[in-house]
């Protein structure tokens, strides 16, 4: 069964969530602090993390970044605030969902199931070349689109490969910069936009009617790999 990591400094809330998760057959562990969560995540792999934004030692957003240094972990944020700016920040760093306290533990479990189902489709797509439109040879660093090999620069390839890793998920400019331009310290956010533009042009050369790269204003980009 999927293993869930719950990080929340309120034991009463954590107890109700753990009960709901275990009643539905999930394996679940609870950590009170971000530091404890990092140690737990290194000890054994988890399929999804539920993170409280307001932790006493490491903020939930910073904890999310640290957890994802090791692997691409789906994350749902819990917060006592309903501020739009905070929700947008969470989505920009790649949150898969966002739940405001007080909440129903059963609703949280339902949201966890949705995120896990969404993530389960990505490995299946990757095994088949990320869906019928794209075939990704990661060892050879080659990508075919609708049966045609794409002539990509180093950064165009890295950008498309990053989007193909999580079809349908919104990746912020900051995430893409970190994954693709991590060694180019003088690059800025506009670099992502410029390469998205050239990448779209190359995809349109293959299929002028399709535009699989989606722009999410204020958030980032996603890829329709179907």
Foldseek 3Di string as FASTA:
>chain_A
DFEEEEEDQPVVVVVQLCVLQVVVPYHYDYHDALVVSLVVCVVDPGQAYEEEQDHPPDGRLRSQVVSPVVHNHAYEYEYQDPDPVVVLVCLQQFHPYYYYPPDDSNVVNVSVVVSSVLLVVLVVCQVVQLDDQWRADPVVLWIHGNNHTFDDDQLLSQQVVVQSNRAPTFHHLVRSCCRRVVVPVPDDSVVSVVSLVVNQVRNCVVPVVDRQWDQDPSRHIHGHSD
